Every structure is written in C-alpha cells, then in structure tokens.
C-alpha cells in the first residue's frame, strides 16, 4: 500500500496534476453555457477528459524537453548544474522516474487525446479542426515558445478561446461569438495569474536569464504596469461587449470582483517596494486557507500567488452566475 501511495505521488508531481483545477475552471464556463443551450452533456464530459489528458501530457512533455535542454547545456560545458524552479523534474532528480518514463507518459497521454479528437471529428465533422490543430501545435511548441517569453500568451490561447470554442462546438455543433468574447476576459485573467507568478520570481528568472513576459518588460515596475493593464482589459472587454449589445447587461456583475483586482495590484505594488513586507489581509483577497497551511517561510509568497488565483475564481464564478441569470430572464 505504501508503495502504491508513493508511486501515485511521484506521478502526481511528474504530471503536475495539481494544475488540473485550471482545466476544470476553464471548461466549466463553456460547458454551462452550452448545457443551457441544449448542449450534449455526455460530449461535454468527454471533452473535459480530453482537455485534462492533453494538459497533463503537455506538462510532462514540457519537463521532458526542458530536462534534455539543460542536460545538453551541461554536457557542452555551458552550465555546471541543472537549475530548475523548486519541484520541476523532481522525480527525475530523486531517481523515482527516468527520462524515458517522461517520454512514454507524454506519448501515451497525447495518443489518448488524439483518439478523443478523432472521435469528435468523426461525430462533428472537419470544422472542429479549426480548434484542434492550433491547440495541438501550441501544446507541442510550448516548451520552445515558453523560453522565448510567449508562455503566458500560449496558455491563454489554449485555455480560453480555443478551449471555450471547442467545448461549445462539441456540445452544440456550433461556434458562438458570445462564448468567444467571454473567453477573452477569462483568458486575460489566466495570463494575469501566470504573469503575477513570474513577477514574484523576477529575481530568480533574472539570475538564470530566463525569458518571460516580466523579463521582457525589463523592470519589475513595468511588469506591474503590464499586470494592471491585463487585468483592466478583462473588465473593459465585458463592458464593451455589453455596450455593443453582444452580451446581456447582466454580465456587468463581474465588476463586483473589481475590489479584488485593485487589492491584487496594491499587494504587488508593495511587493516590488519590499518583497518581505508583511501584507495585511482583507476580505477582497478571498479564501486564504491554503496560505495558513504553507510553511512560515513560504506564506508571504503563497499569499501573493493565491490572491490572483482567487480573483480568477471569483471572476469566473460571476461569469457563471451571469450565464444562468441571463438564461432565466430569457425564459420569463
């Protein structure tokens, strides 16, 4: 039993399975929207399975490529040791898994998602390729483009416009302008989550010459300005869609999350001035129970990371509420 638990935990780390909630959170919006428009619930669930499998496959393939790249630099004498962020490729360094295990796992996961994609193409026709082909290409290129500073953009494209459009299409056999517009806002906030994380790791990435969207900004202050712009655009997009009568005015309830967005910017502004400064908690930060569970030395970091994650969760919840209320109003 202990062996099985260890084996599970090893693969949990290798696959970065803790990131699955991101897939589910992205999927639930188009799923509910399609469901309330007489979408096929079974196909929606199958789509979720495919999304999660593709996500895990991309995670482990990314580590596989990064490990080989670092190993190649060491063998050429350009680096002395591996230098990854904490937890990355841990099963390899701990000798729990071998590099071939990573390759085999990524191949199996990509093959399963390929089979699911073929199933949907057989059921829905070739129009689905407009979503599938870009998604596959971006997943495969992520390890390379991520090193060039495009990682955040790729994640946003995959988990928002492409994922939203794909889920809605397999459930309804139609594409939707409304769901595409909604995906822009949630996609921007997904970028904000990643950008905020990179901002917290700015010094680490600078020391290791890692190219990220933050590093492209040249300074942490400029990266903070960009964070503010990204978050602001997510609200502006919804407001513009309401003004243009593409979305119902009900979607303006997403503005209720604005105090959380302002709190995030304020906290990160304080972080740039003094990374070790104590942050006073308030109700707009959301649920911080995970912070209390973290080691004392990690609580400051966790607080700043969880605030932006909670913002995305709150915004998504308000989007879901908007979808339901809009549907109810149409039925009255």
Protein backbone atom coordinates (compact mmCIF):
# COMPACT_ATOMS: atom_id res chain seq x y z
CA UNK A 1 0.00 0.00 0.00
CA UNK A 2 2.85 2.39 0.86
CA UNK A 3 4.49 1.56 -2.48
CA UNK A 4 1.26 2.39 -4.34
CA UNK A 5 0.87 5.69 -2.48
CA UNK A 6 4.46 6.68 -3.26
CA UNK A 7 4.05 5.65 -6.91
CA UNK A 8 0.90 7.78 -7.15
CA UNK A 9 2.54 10.79 -5.50
CA UNK A 10 5.57 10.51 -7.80
CA UNK A 11 3.42 10.61 -10.92
CA UNK A 12 1.23 13.31 -9.38
CA UNK A 13 4.34 15.52 -9.19
CA UNK A 14 5.70 14.47 -12.57
CA UNK A 15 2.41 15.25 -14.32
CA UNK A 16 1.88 18.37 -12.23
CA UNK A 17 -1.62 17.04 -11.58
CA UNK A 18 -2.20 19.84 -9.08
CA UNK A 19 -2.83 22.04 -12.13
CA UNK A 20 -5.97 20.06 -13.11
CA UNK A 21 -8.32 22.60 -11.43
CA UNK A 22 -7.16 25.14 -14.03
CA UNK A 23 -8.50 22.87 -16.79
CA UNK A 24 -11.77 22.31 -14.94
CA UNK A 25 -12.23 26.03 -14.25
CA UNK A 26 -11.69 26.83 -17.93
CA UNK A 27 -14.04 24.05 -19.05
CA UNK A 28 -16.96 24.80 -16.74
CA UNK A 29 -17.87 28.13 -18.40
CA UNK A 30 -18.43 26.89 -21.98
CA UNK A 31 -19.89 23.65 -20.57
CA UNK A 32 -22.60 25.51 -18.63
CA UNK A 33 -23.24 27.93 -21.48
CA UNK A 34 -23.67 25.04 -23.93
CA UNK A 35 -25.71 22.99 -21.47
CA UNK A 36 -28.22 25.82 -21.07
CA UNK A 37 -28.42 25.94 -24.88
CA UNK A 38 -29.40 22.25 -25.14
CA UNK A 39 -25.81 21.03 -25.48
CA UNK A 40 -24.87 17.35 -25.25
CA UNK A 41 -23.78 16.77 -21.64
CA UNK A 42 -22.01 13.46 -22.41
CA UNK A 43 -19.88 15.07 -25.10
CA UNK A 44 -19.10 17.89 -22.68
CA UNK A 45 -17.78 15.43 -20.11
CA UNK A 46 -15.74 13.57 -22.74
CA UNK A 47 -14.29 16.93 -23.77
CA UNK A 48 -13.22 17.56 -20.17
CA UNK A 49 -11.44 14.20 -20.06
CA UNK A 50 -9.61 15.07 -23.29
CA UNK A 51 -8.69 18.53 -22.01
CA UNK A 52 -7.27 17.20 -18.74
CA UNK A 53 -5.29 14.45 -20.51
CA UNK A 54 -3.87 16.92 -23.04
CA UNK A 55 -2.99 19.32 -20.21
CA UNK A 56 -1.12 16.62 -18.27
CA UNK A 57 0.61 15.43 -21.44
CA UNK A 58 1.79 18.97 -22.17
CA UNK A 59 3.04 19.36 -18.59
CA UNK A 60 5.25 16.28 -18.66
CA UNK A 61 6.37 16.89 -22.27
CA UNK A 62 7.43 20.41 -21.23
CA UNK A 63 9.57 18.97 -18.39
CA UNK A 64 10.96 16.32 -20.75
CA UNK A 65 12.16 18.95 -23.24
CA UNK A 66 13.47 21.29 -20.51
CA UNK A 67 15.45 18.49 -18.88
CA UNK A 68 17.07 17.49 -22.19
CA UNK A 69 17.87 21.12 -22.96
CA UNK A 70 19.53 21.66 -19.58
CA UNK A 71 21.43 18.37 -19.88
CA UNK A 72 22.70 19.38 -23.32
CA UNK A 73 24.00 22.72 -21.96
CA UNK A 74 25.79 20.93 -19.11
CA UNK A 75 27.41 18.42 -21.46
CA UNK A 76 28.64 21.30 -23.65
CA UNK A 77 30.14 22.98 -20.59
CA UNK A 78 27.84 25.99 -20.83
CA UNK A 79 26.34 25.27 -17.42
CA UNK A 80 27.61 23.47 -14.33
CA UNK A 81 24.40 22.05 -12.88
CA UNK A 82 20.67 21.81 -13.51
CA UNK A 83 18.88 24.92 -12.34
CA UNK A 84 15.12 24.48 -12.21
CA UNK A 85 12.47 26.09 -10.08
CA UNK A 86 11.58 24.10 -6.97
CA UNK A 87 9.63 20.94 -7.77
CA UNK A 88 10.30 20.89 -11.53
CA UNK A 89 11.58 17.49 -12.69
CA UNK A 90 11.82 16.45 -9.02
CA UNK A 91 11.02 12.74 -9.75
CA UNK A 92 13.97 12.67 -12.16
CA UNK A 93 16.45 14.17 -9.71
CA UNK A 94 15.13 11.94 -6.94
CA UNK A 95 15.62 8.85 -9.18
CA UNK A 96 11.94 7.89 -8.84
CA UNK A 97 11.48 8.11 -12.61
CA UNK A 98 13.74 8.07 -15.65
CA UNK A 99 13.66 10.37 -18.64
CA UNK A 100 12.24 7.56 -20.80
CA UNK A 101 9.28 7.36 -18.38
CA UNK A 102 8.58 11.02 -19.12
CA UNK A 103 8.71 10.37 -22.87
CA UNK A 104 6.47 7.30 -22.69
CA UNK A 105 3.95 9.08 -20.46
CA UNK A 106 3.75 12.11 -22.75
CA UNK A 107 3.35 9.84 -25.80
CA UNK A 108 0.51 7.86 -24.16
CA UNK A 109 -1.31 10.98 -22.99
CA UNK A 110 -1.00 12.69 -26.37
CA UNK A 111 -2.20 9.50 -28.09
CA UNK A 112 -5.30 9.29 -25.87
CA UNK A 113 -6.16 12.94 -26.57
CA UNK A 114 -5.60 12.22 -30.28
CA UNK A 115 -8.13 9.36 -30.12
CA UNK A 116 -10.67 11.59 -28.36
CA UNK A 117 -10.11 14.27 -31.01
CA UNK A 118 -10.70 11.70 -33.78
CA UNK A 119 -13.91 10.64 -32.06
CA UNK A 120 -15.24 14.20 -32.07
CA UNK A 121 -14.13 14.81 -35.67
CA UNK A 122 -16.00 11.66 -36.68
CA UNK A 123 -19.09 12.90 -34.85
CA UNK A 124 -18.93 16.62 -35.68
CA UNK A 125 -17.04 16.90 -38.96
CA UNK A 126 -13.90 18.74 -40.05
CA UNK A 127 -14.95 22.15 -38.69
CA UNK A 128 -13.55 21.06 -35.35
CA UNK A 129 -10.06 21.08 -36.86
CA UNK A 130 -10.12 24.88 -36.60
CA UNK A 131 -9.82 24.33 -32.85
CA UNK A 132 -7.88 21.06 -32.64
CA UNK A 133 -4.97 21.84 -34.96
CA UNK A 134 -3.95 25.17 -33.34
CA UNK A 135 -4.33 23.59 -29.87
CA UNK A 136 -2.05 20.67 -30.70
CA UNK A 137 0.56 22.88 -32.37
CA UNK A 138 0.66 25.28 -29.42
CA UNK A 139 0.94 22.40 -26.91
CA UNK A 140 3.88 20.90 -28.79
CA UNK A 141 5.61 24.26 -29.25
CA UNK A 142 5.01 25.41 -25.67
CA UNK A 143 8.44 24.24 -24.35
CA UNK A 144 10.18 26.24 -27.08
CA UNK A 145 7.97 29.32 -27.27
CA UNK A 146 7.78 29.43 -23.47
CA UNK A 147 11.54 30.02 -23.37
CA UNK A 148 11.06 32.99 -25.69
CA UNK A 149 8.61 34.70 -23.33
CA UNK A 150 5.39 33.56 -25.02
CA UNK A 151 4.38 31.00 -22.39
CA UNK A 152 1.65 33.15 -20.82
CA UNK A 153 0.14 34.00 -24.21
CA UNK A 154 0.08 30.35 -25.30
CA UNK A 155 -1.64 29.24 -22.09
CA UNK A 156 -4.24 31.99 -22.52
CA UNK A 157 -4.96 30.97 -26.14
CA UNK A 158 -5.26 27.27 -25.27
CA UNK A 159 -7.32 27.58 -22.11
CA UNK A 160 -9.62 30.35 -23.29
CA UNK A 161 -10.60 30.98 -26.96
CA UNK A 162 -9.60 27.52 -28.23
CA UNK A 163 -10.88 25.53 -25.26
CA UNK A 164 -14.11 27.55 -24.94
CA UNK A 165 -14.87 27.28 -28.66
CA UNK A 166 -14.01 23.58 -28.74
CA UNK A 167 -16.17 22.59 -25.77
CA UNK A 168 -19.12 24.63 -27.01
CA UNK A 169 -18.83 23.17 -30.51
CA UNK A 170 -18.68 19.51 -29.48
CA UNK A 171 -21.77 20.05 -27.32
CA UNK A 172 -23.84 22.11 -29.78
CA UNK A 173 -22.16 21.69 -33.21
CA UNK A 174 -21.98 25.48 -33.43
CA UNK A 175 -19.46 28.22 -32.74
CA UNK A 176 -20.56 31.13 -30.53
CA UNK A 177 -19.44 34.76 -30.63
CA UNK A 178 -20.69 35.26 -27.07
CA UNK A 179 -18.60 32.44 -25.62
CA UNK A 180 -15.58 33.67 -27.60
CA UNK A 181 -15.90 37.17 -26.12
CA UNK A 182 -16.30 35.79 -22.60
CA UNK A 183 -13.18 33.68 -23.14
CA UNK A 184 -11.13 36.81 -23.88
CA UNK A 185 -11.73 38.15 -20.35
CA UNK A 186 -11.05 34.86 -18.57
CA UNK A 187 -8.06 34.34 -20.84
CA UNK A 188 -6.61 37.71 -19.88
CA UNK A 189 -7.02 36.85 -16.19
CA UNK A 190 -5.31 33.50 -16.82
CA UNK A 191 -2.40 35.49 -18.25
CA UNK A 192 -2.54 37.66 -15.11
CA UNK A 193 -2.19 34.57 -12.90
CA UNK A 194 0.93 33.43 -14.75
CA UNK A 195 2.35 36.94 -15.10
CA UNK A 196 1.88 37.55 -11.38
CA UNK A 197 3.73 34.31 -10.61
CA UNK A 198 6.58 35.33 -12.88
CA UNK A 199 6.68 38.75 -11.21
CA UNK A 200 7.15 37.01 -7.86
CA UNK A 201 10.00 35.02 -9.42
CA UNK A 202 11.52 38.02 -11.22
CA UNK A 203 14.89 37.93 -9.43
CA UNK A 204 15.19 34.15 -9.81
CA UNK A 205 14.44 34.34 -13.54
CA UNK A 206 16.84 37.26 -13.96
CA UNK A 207 19.67 35.34 -12.29
CA UNK A 208 19.01 32.36 -14.55
CA UNK A 209 18.47 34.51 -17.64
CA UNK A 210 15.03 33.01 -18.17
CA UNK A 211 12.93 34.88 -20.71
CA UNK A 212 9.41 35.62 -19.51
CA UNK A 213 6.86 38.31 -20.20
CA UNK A 214 8.04 40.01 -17.00
CA UNK A 215 11.68 39.94 -18.11
CA UNK A 216 10.72 41.39 -21.48
CA UNK A 217 9.31 44.36 -19.54
CA UNK A 218 12.92 45.00 -18.33
CA UNK A 219 11.94 46.08 -14.79
CA UNK A 220 9.53 44.78 -12.10
CA UNK A 221 7.73 48.15 -12.10
CA UNK A 222 7.00 47.93 -15.81
CA UNK A 223 5.88 44.33 -15.32
CA UNK A 224 3.49 45.57 -12.62
CA UNK A 225 2.06 48.17 -15.01
CA UNK A 226 1.51 45.42 -17.56
CA UNK A 227 -0.26 43.31 -14.92
CA UNK A 228 -2.60 46.24 -14.27
CA UNK A 229 -3.29 46.65 -17.99
CA UNK A 230 -4.01 42.94 -18.46
CA UNK A 231 -6.47 42.85 -15.56
CA UNK A 232 -8.13 46.11 -16.64
CA UNK A 233 -8.64 44.81 -20.18
CA UNK A 234 -10.53 41.80 -18.86
CA UNK A 235 -13.17 44.17 -17.43
CA UNK A 236 -13.09 46.56 -20.38
CA UNK A 237 -13.80 43.64 -22.72
CA UNK A 238 -17.00 42.73 -20.85
CA UNK A 239 -18.14 46.35 -20.58
CA UNK A 240 -17.54 46.93 -24.30
CA UNK A 241 -19.47 43.76 -25.20
CA UNK A 242 -22.42 44.96 -23.09
CA UNK A 243 -22.33 48.45 -24.66
CA UNK A 244 -22.29 46.86 -28.13
CA UNK A 245 -25.23 44.68 -27.05
CA UNK A 246 -23.33 41.47 -27.69
CA UNK A 247 -23.62 40.40 -24.05
CA UNK A 248 -26.51 41.00 -21.66
CA UNK A 249 -26.14 43.83 -19.10
CA UNK A 250 -26.27 41.06 -16.50
CA UNK A 251 -22.59 40.36 -17.23
CA UNK A 252 -21.72 43.68 -15.61
CA UNK A 253 -21.95 41.90 -12.24
CA UNK A 254 -18.38 40.80 -12.96
CA UNK A 255 -17.45 44.33 -11.84
CA UNK A 256 -18.18 43.13 -8.30
CA UNK A 257 -14.77 41.45 -8.44
CA UNK A 258 -13.02 44.77 -9.15
CA UNK A 259 -12.09 45.41 -5.48
CA UNK A 260 -10.21 42.10 -5.54
CA UNK A 261 -8.36 43.24 -8.67
CA UNK A 262 -7.42 46.54 -7.01
CA UNK A 263 -6.25 44.65 -3.92
CA UNK A 264 -4.04 42.45 -6.10
CA UNK A 265 -2.40 45.47 -7.73
CA UNK A 266 -1.88 47.13 -4.35
CA UNK A 267 -0.29 43.99 -2.86
CA UNK A 268 2.06 43.51 -5.82
CA UNK A 269 2.99 47.19 -5.76
CA UNK A 270 4.01 46.76 -2.11
CA UNK A 271 5.90 43.59 -3.07
CA UNK A 272 8.06 45.46 -5.56
CA UNK A 273 8.98 48.05 -2.91
CA UNK A 274 9.68 45.42 -0.25
CA UNK A 275 9.20 41.70 -1.04
CA UNK A 276 9.41 40.79 2.65
CA UNK A 277 6.91 43.36 3.91
CA UNK A 278 4.00 41.90 5.89
CA UNK A 279 0.73 42.02 3.97
CA UNK A 280 -2.44 42.86 5.87
CA UNK A 281 -5.27 40.55 4.89
CA UNK A 282 -8.73 41.76 3.88
CA UNK A 283 -11.98 40.24 2.63
CA UNK A 284 -11.21 41.05 -1.01
CA UNK A 285 -8.28 38.61 -1.04
CA UNK A 286 -10.68 35.65 -0.94
CA UNK A 287 -10.11 32.32 0.77
CA UNK A 288 -6.56 32.19 2.15
CA UNK A 289 -6.75 28.86 3.99
CA UNK A 290 -4.00 27.43 1.76
CA UNK A 291 -1.69 30.18 2.97
CA UNK A 292 -2.11 29.09 6.59
CA UNK A 293 -1.17 25.52 5.64
CA UNK A 294 2.09 26.62 4.00
CA UNK A 295 5.44 26.70 5.85
CA UNK A 296 6.15 30.05 7.53
CA UNK A 297 8.89 30.91 5.05
CA UNK A 298 6.52 30.37 2.11
CA UNK A 299 3.42 32.14 3.46
CA UNK A 300 4.33 35.56 2.07
CA UNK A 301 4.82 34.13 -1.43
CA UNK A 302 1.69 31.96 -1.24
CA UNK A 303 -0.46 34.89 -0.17
CA UNK A 304 0.52 36.92 -3.23
CA UNK A 305 0.03 33.95 -5.55
CA UNK A 306 -3.34 32.89 -4.12
CA UNK A 307 -4.81 36.40 -4.32
CA UNK A 308 -4.61 36.41 -8.11
CA UNK A 309 -5.85 32.82 -8.30
CA UNK A 310 -8.84 33.81 -6.16
CA UNK A 311 -9.51 36.77 -8.44
CA UNK A 312 -9.77 34.44 -11.43
CA UNK A 313 -12.04 32.10 -9.46
CA UNK A 314 -14.32 34.95 -8.36
CA UNK A 315 -14.50 36.43 -11.86
CA UNK A 316 -15.28 33.00 -13.33
CA UNK A 317 -17.98 32.41 -10.70
CA UNK A 318 -19.60 35.73 -11.59
CA UNK A 319 -19.47 34.80 -15.28
CA UNK A 320 -21.24 31.51 -14.47
CA UNK A 321 -23.86 33.41 -12.46
CA UNK A 322 -24.33 35.82 -15.37
CA UNK A 323 -24.91 32.92 -17.76
CA UNK A 324 -27.58 31.40 -15.50
CA UNK A 325 -29.38 34.70 -14.79
CA UNK A 326 -29.37 35.64 -18.50
CA UNK A 327 -30.92 32.29 -19.37
CA UNK A 328 -33.56 32.63 -16.65
CA UNK A 329 -34.50 36.11 -17.84
CA UNK A 330 -34.99 34.80 -21.38
CA UNK A 331 -37.32 32.10 -20.05
CA UNK A 332 -39.54 34.59 -18.21
